[in-house]
Amino acid sequence: MRHFVGGGAQQIEVSLNKSQCNNNNNNNNNNNNNKVCTHLHYSIRKAFCIETSDKWYTHMPKPVCEEGDVAVLWNQAVHTDREVTANRPDIIIKNKKKRKHAH
């Protein structure tokens, strides 16, 4: 499974192994999701030249990381005009200059 984040020169390709996601144990699923999201957060920071650790597995995501016109948010609630039960995406990328958001 592949996910593409961003566009143009800032596009990031992330490959996910389905065997990591297919597990009947909810705790393992949650743990695997956290590992995948941590790796994705690390890759996004590297792509936008935001300082990070040398290895993805030692990376500890911060709630907000900013560099120039880009902000990367980790596990932050999204405020909407109406009630949305799933309002906390794992990662949000904000481009302040273009005023576009990718989640």
N, C-alpha and C. Protein backbone atom coordinates (compact mmCIF):
# COMPACT_ATOMS: atom_id res chain seq x y z
N MET A 1 0.85 -1.16 0.00
CA MET A 1 0.00 0.00 0.00
C MET A 1 0.91 1.23 0.00
N ARG A 2 0.60 2.21 -0.85
CA ARG A 2 1.41 3.42 -0.92
C ARG A 2 0.53 4.63 -0.66
N HIS A 3 1.09 5.60 0.03
CA HIS A 3 0.42 6.86 0.30
C HIS A 3 1.32 7.97 -0.22
N PHE A 4 0.72 8.96 -0.86
CA PHE A 4 1.49 10.10 -1.33
C PHE A 4 1.02 11.33 -0.59
N VAL A 5 1.96 12.09 -0.08
CA VAL A 5 1.66 13.28 0.70
C VAL A 5 2.28 14.47 0.00
N GLY A 6 1.52 15.54 -0.13
CA GLY A 6 2.05 16.76 -0.74
C GLY A 6 1.94 16.71 -2.24
N GLY A 7 2.61 17.61 -2.91
CA GLY A 7 2.56 17.65 -4.36
C GLY A 7 3.83 18.25 -4.91
N GLY A 8 4.06 18.04 -6.19
CA GLY A 8 5.23 18.61 -6.85
C GLY A 8 6.52 18.10 -6.25
N ALA A 9 7.46 18.99 -6.05
CA ALA A 9 8.78 18.62 -5.54
C ALA A 9 8.71 18.14 -4.09
N GLN A 10 7.65 18.48 -3.37
CA GLN A 10 7.53 18.12 -1.96
C GLN A 10 6.78 16.81 -1.76
N GLN A 11 6.55 16.04 -2.84
CA GLN A 11 5.80 14.80 -2.71
C GLN A 11 6.62 13.75 -1.98
N ILE A 12 5.98 13.05 -1.07
CA ILE A 12 6.63 12.01 -0.27
C ILE A 12 5.91 10.70 -0.54
N GLU A 13 6.65 9.65 -0.80
CA GLU A 13 6.05 8.33 -0.99
C GLU A 13 6.33 7.49 0.24
N VAL A 14 5.29 6.91 0.79
CA VAL A 14 5.44 6.05 1.96
C VAL A 14 4.84 4.70 1.62
N SER A 15 5.61 3.65 1.76
CA SER A 15 5.12 2.29 1.50
C SER A 15 4.81 1.62 2.82
N LEU A 16 3.63 1.01 2.90
CA LEU A 16 3.22 0.31 4.11
C LEU A 16 3.08 -1.17 3.80
N ASN A 17 3.55 -1.99 4.70
CA ASN A 17 3.44 -3.43 4.57
C ASN A 17 2.11 -3.86 5.19
N LYS A 18 1.23 -4.50 4.39
CA LYS A 18 -0.08 -4.88 4.88
C LYS A 18 -0.01 -5.81 6.08
N SER A 19 1.03 -6.64 6.17
CA SER A 19 1.12 -7.57 7.30
C SER A 19 1.27 -6.81 8.61
N GLN A 20 1.78 -5.58 8.58
CA GLN A 20 1.88 -4.79 9.80
C GLN A 20 0.51 -4.31 10.25
N CYS A 21 -0.42 -4.15 9.32
CA CYS A 21 -1.73 -3.60 9.65
C CYS A 21 -2.77 -4.68 9.93
N ASN A 22 -2.59 -5.91 9.44
CA ASN A 22 -3.57 -6.97 9.60
C ASN A 22 -3.24 -7.83 10.81
N ASN A 23 -3.81 -7.44 11.95
CA ASN A 23 -3.60 -8.19 13.18
C ASN A 23 -4.89 -8.10 13.97
N ASN A 24 -5.34 -9.22 14.54
CA ASN A 24 -6.61 -9.22 15.27
C ASN A 24 -6.54 -8.56 16.63
N ASN A 25 -5.38 -8.34 17.16
CA ASN A 25 -5.22 -7.75 18.49
C ASN A 25 -5.24 -6.23 18.37
N ASN A 26 -6.22 -5.56 19.00
CA ASN A 26 -6.35 -4.10 18.91
C ASN A 26 -5.13 -3.37 19.45
N ASN A 27 -4.53 -3.89 20.52
CA ASN A 27 -3.34 -3.24 21.07
C ASN A 27 -2.20 -3.26 20.06
N ASN A 28 -2.03 -4.39 19.37
CA ASN A 28 -0.99 -4.46 18.34
C ASN A 28 -1.31 -3.54 17.18
N ASN A 29 -2.58 -3.46 16.79
CA ASN A 29 -2.96 -2.55 15.71
C ASN A 29 -2.65 -1.11 16.08
N ASN A 30 -2.97 -0.73 17.30
CA ASN A 30 -2.69 0.63 17.76
C ASN A 30 -1.19 0.90 17.78
N ASN A 31 -0.43 -0.05 18.28
CA ASN A 31 1.02 0.08 18.34
C ASN A 31 1.61 0.18 16.93
N ASN A 32 1.13 -0.67 16.01
CA ASN A 32 1.61 -0.62 14.63
C ASN A 32 1.24 0.70 13.98
N ASN A 33 0.03 1.17 14.22
CA ASN A 33 -0.39 2.46 13.66
C ASN A 33 0.51 3.58 14.18
N ASN A 34 0.83 3.56 15.47
CA ASN A 34 1.71 4.58 16.03
C ASN A 34 3.09 4.53 15.40
N LYS A 35 3.62 3.33 15.15
CA LYS A 35 4.93 3.19 14.52
C LYS A 35 4.91 3.73 13.09
N VAL A 36 3.86 3.37 12.35
CA VAL A 36 3.74 3.83 10.97
C VAL A 36 3.61 5.35 10.94
N CYS A 37 2.78 5.90 11.81
CA CYS A 37 2.59 7.36 11.84
C CYS A 37 3.86 8.08 12.30
N THR A 38 4.59 7.49 13.22
CA THR A 38 5.86 8.08 13.65
C THR A 38 6.85 8.11 12.50
N HIS A 39 6.92 7.01 11.74
CA HIS A 39 7.81 6.97 10.58
C HIS A 39 7.38 8.00 9.54
N LEU A 40 6.08 8.11 9.30
CA LEU A 40 5.56 9.10 8.35
C LEU A 40 5.88 10.52 8.81
N HIS A 41 5.68 10.81 10.08
CA HIS A 41 5.98 12.12 10.64
C HIS A 41 7.46 12.44 10.45
N TYR A 42 8.31 11.48 10.73
CA TYR A 42 9.76 11.63 10.55
C TYR A 42 10.09 11.95 9.09
N SER A 43 9.49 11.19 8.15
CA SER A 43 9.74 11.39 6.72
C SER A 43 9.26 12.76 6.23
N ILE A 44 8.12 13.20 6.74
CA ILE A 44 7.59 14.52 6.37
C ILE A 44 8.54 15.61 6.85
N ARG A 45 8.99 15.50 8.09
CA ARG A 45 9.93 16.51 8.63
C ARG A 45 11.21 16.55 7.82
N LYS A 46 11.74 15.38 7.45
CA LYS A 46 12.96 15.33 6.63
C LYS A 46 12.71 15.98 5.27
N ALA A 47 11.56 15.71 4.65
CA ALA A 47 11.25 16.25 3.32
C ALA A 47 11.14 17.78 3.34
N PHE A 48 10.66 18.33 4.44
CA PHE A 48 10.51 19.78 4.56
C PHE A 48 11.70 20.42 5.27
N CYS A 49 12.79 19.67 5.42
CA CYS A 49 14.03 20.16 6.04
C CYS A 49 13.80 20.70 7.46
N ILE A 50 12.94 20.04 8.21
CA ILE A 50 12.72 20.37 9.61
C ILE A 50 13.61 19.44 10.43
N GLU A 51 14.40 20.01 11.32
CA GLU A 51 15.36 19.23 12.09
C GLU A 51 14.67 18.08 12.82
N THR A 52 15.31 16.92 12.78
CA THR A 52 14.77 15.73 13.43
C THR A 52 15.92 14.80 13.83
N SER A 53 15.61 13.69 14.47
CA SER A 53 16.64 12.75 14.90
C SER A 53 17.25 12.03 13.69
N ASP A 54 18.37 11.34 13.92
CA ASP A 54 19.05 10.64 12.83
C ASP A 54 18.28 9.40 12.37
N LYS A 55 17.62 8.72 13.27
CA LYS A 55 16.90 7.48 12.97
C LYS A 55 15.41 7.66 13.26
N TRP A 56 14.55 7.11 12.38
CA TRP A 56 13.11 7.28 12.56
C TRP A 56 12.63 6.62 13.84
N TYR A 57 13.24 5.50 14.25
CA TYR A 57 12.75 4.77 15.42
C TYR A 57 13.13 5.44 16.74
N THR A 58 13.99 6.46 16.70
CA THR A 58 14.27 7.24 17.91
C THR A 58 13.52 8.57 17.88
N HIS A 59 12.78 8.81 16.79
CA HIS A 59 12.03 10.07 16.61
C HIS A 59 10.85 10.13 17.57
N MET A 60 10.72 11.25 18.26
CA MET A 60 9.59 11.48 19.17
C MET A 60 8.82 12.69 18.63
N PRO A 61 7.66 12.46 17.97
CA PRO A 61 6.93 13.57 17.37
C PRO A 61 6.50 14.61 18.40
N LYS A 62 6.66 15.88 18.04
CA LYS A 62 6.19 16.99 18.87
C LYS A 62 4.82 17.42 18.34
N PRO A 63 3.97 17.98 19.19
CA PRO A 63 2.63 18.38 18.74
C PRO A 63 2.65 19.36 17.57
N VAL A 64 3.60 20.30 17.55
CA VAL A 64 3.69 21.28 16.47
C VAL A 64 5.15 21.48 16.10
N CYS A 65 5.44 21.38 14.80
CA CYS A 65 6.79 21.64 14.26
C CYS A 65 6.62 22.63 13.12
N GLU A 66 7.41 23.69 13.14
CA GLU A 66 7.30 24.69 12.08
C GLU A 66 8.67 24.99 11.48
N GLU A 67 8.68 25.20 10.18
CA GLU A 67 9.88 25.62 9.46
C GLU A 67 9.42 26.46 8.28
N GLY A 68 9.72 27.74 8.32
CA GLY A 68 9.30 28.64 7.24
C GLY A 68 7.79 28.70 7.12
N ASP A 69 7.28 28.36 5.94
CA ASP A 69 5.85 28.43 5.68
C ASP A 69 5.11 27.12 5.97
N VAL A 70 5.82 26.12 6.50
CA VAL A 70 5.22 24.80 6.72
C VAL A 70 5.12 24.51 8.21
N ALA A 71 3.95 23.99 8.61
CA ALA A 71 3.75 23.52 9.98
C ALA A 71 3.25 22.08 9.90
N VAL A 72 3.83 21.21 10.71
CA VAL A 72 3.41 19.81 10.79
C VAL A 72 2.84 19.60 12.18
N LEU A 73 1.56 19.21 12.23
CA LEU A 73 0.86 19.01 13.50
C LEU A 73 0.70 17.52 13.76
N TRP A 74 0.93 17.10 14.98
CA TRP A 74 0.83 15.69 15.39
C TRP A 74 -0.31 15.53 16.37
N ASN A 75 -1.32 14.72 15.99
CA ASN A 75 -2.41 14.36 16.88
C ASN A 75 -3.12 15.58 17.48
N GLN A 76 -3.45 16.54 16.63
CA GLN A 76 -4.13 17.75 17.06
C GLN A 76 -5.59 17.73 16.62
N ALA A 77 -6.48 18.19 17.47
CA ALA A 77 -7.90 18.24 17.13
C ALA A 77 -8.16 19.29 16.06
N VAL A 78 -9.09 18.99 15.16
CA VAL A 78 -9.50 19.92 14.12
C VAL A 78 -10.86 20.49 14.53
N HIS A 79 -10.95 21.80 14.62
CA HIS A 79 -12.20 22.45 15.00
C HIS A 79 -13.05 22.69 13.76
N THR A 80 -14.31 22.27 13.83
CA THR A 80 -15.22 22.41 12.69
C THR A 80 -16.50 23.09 13.13
N ASP A 81 -17.29 23.52 12.14
CA ASP A 81 -18.56 24.19 12.43
C ASP A 81 -19.61 23.23 12.97
N ARG A 82 -19.47 21.96 12.64
CA ARG A 82 -20.42 20.97 13.15
C ARG A 82 -19.66 19.86 13.86
N GLU A 83 -20.37 19.06 14.62
CA GLU A 83 -19.73 18.02 15.40
C GLU A 83 -19.22 16.89 14.51
N VAL A 84 -17.95 16.56 14.69
CA VAL A 84 -17.32 15.46 13.96
C VAL A 84 -16.65 14.59 15.02
N THR A 85 -17.01 13.31 15.06
CA THR A 85 -16.47 12.44 16.11
C THR A 85 -15.00 12.10 15.86
N ALA A 86 -14.59 11.97 14.62
CA ALA A 86 -13.19 11.66 14.29
C ALA A 86 -12.49 12.95 13.86
N ASN A 87 -12.24 13.82 14.83
CA ASN A 87 -11.68 15.14 14.52
C ASN A 87 -10.21 15.27 14.90
N ARG A 88 -9.52 14.15 15.05
CA ARG A 88 -8.11 14.19 15.48
C ARG A 88 -7.27 13.33 14.54
N PRO A 89 -6.92 13.85 13.35
CA PRO A 89 -6.06 13.07 12.46
C PRO A 89 -4.67 12.91 13.06
N ASP A 90 -3.96 11.87 12.66
CA ASP A 90 -2.61 11.63 13.18
C ASP A 90 -1.67 12.77 12.80
N ILE A 91 -1.71 13.20 11.53
CA ILE A 91 -0.79 14.23 11.05
C ILE A 91 -1.54 15.22 10.17
N ILE A 92 -1.25 16.50 10.36
CA ILE A 92 -1.76 17.56 9.50
C ILE A 92 -0.57 18.37 9.01
N ILE A 93 -0.53 18.65 7.72
CA ILE A 93 0.53 19.49 7.15
C ILE A 93 -0.13 20.79 6.71
N LYS A 94 0.35 21.90 7.23
CA LYS A 94 -0.18 23.22 6.87
C LYS A 94 0.86 23.97 6.05
N ASN A 95 0.42 24.49 4.91
CA ASN A 95 1.26 25.36 4.11
C ASN A 95 0.72 26.76 4.32
N LYS A 96 1.37 27.54 5.15
CA LYS A 96 0.86 28.87 5.51
C LYS A 96 0.83 29.82 4.32
N LYS A 97 1.77 29.65 3.41
CA LYS A 97 1.85 30.54 2.26
C LYS A 97 0.68 30.31 1.30
N LYS A 98 0.40 29.04 0.99
CA LYS A 98 -0.68 28.71 0.06
C LYS A 98 -2.02 28.57 0.74
N ARG A 99 -2.01 28.54 2.09
CA ARG A 99 -3.22 28.36 2.89
C ARG A 99 -3.98 27.09 2.51
N LYS A 100 -3.23 26.04 2.25
CA LYS A 100 -3.84 24.74 1.96
C LYS A 100 -3.40 23.77 3.04
N HIS A 101 -4.27 22.81 3.34
CA HIS A 101 -3.98 21.82 4.37
C HIS A 101 -4.06 20.44 3.74
N ALA A 102 -3.18 19.56 4.14
CA ALA A 102 -3.23 18.15 3.70
C ALA A 102 -3.33 17.29 4.94
N HIS A 103 -4.28 16.38 4.99
CA HIS A 103 -4.38 15.46 6.12
C HIS A 103 -4.67 14.09 5.62
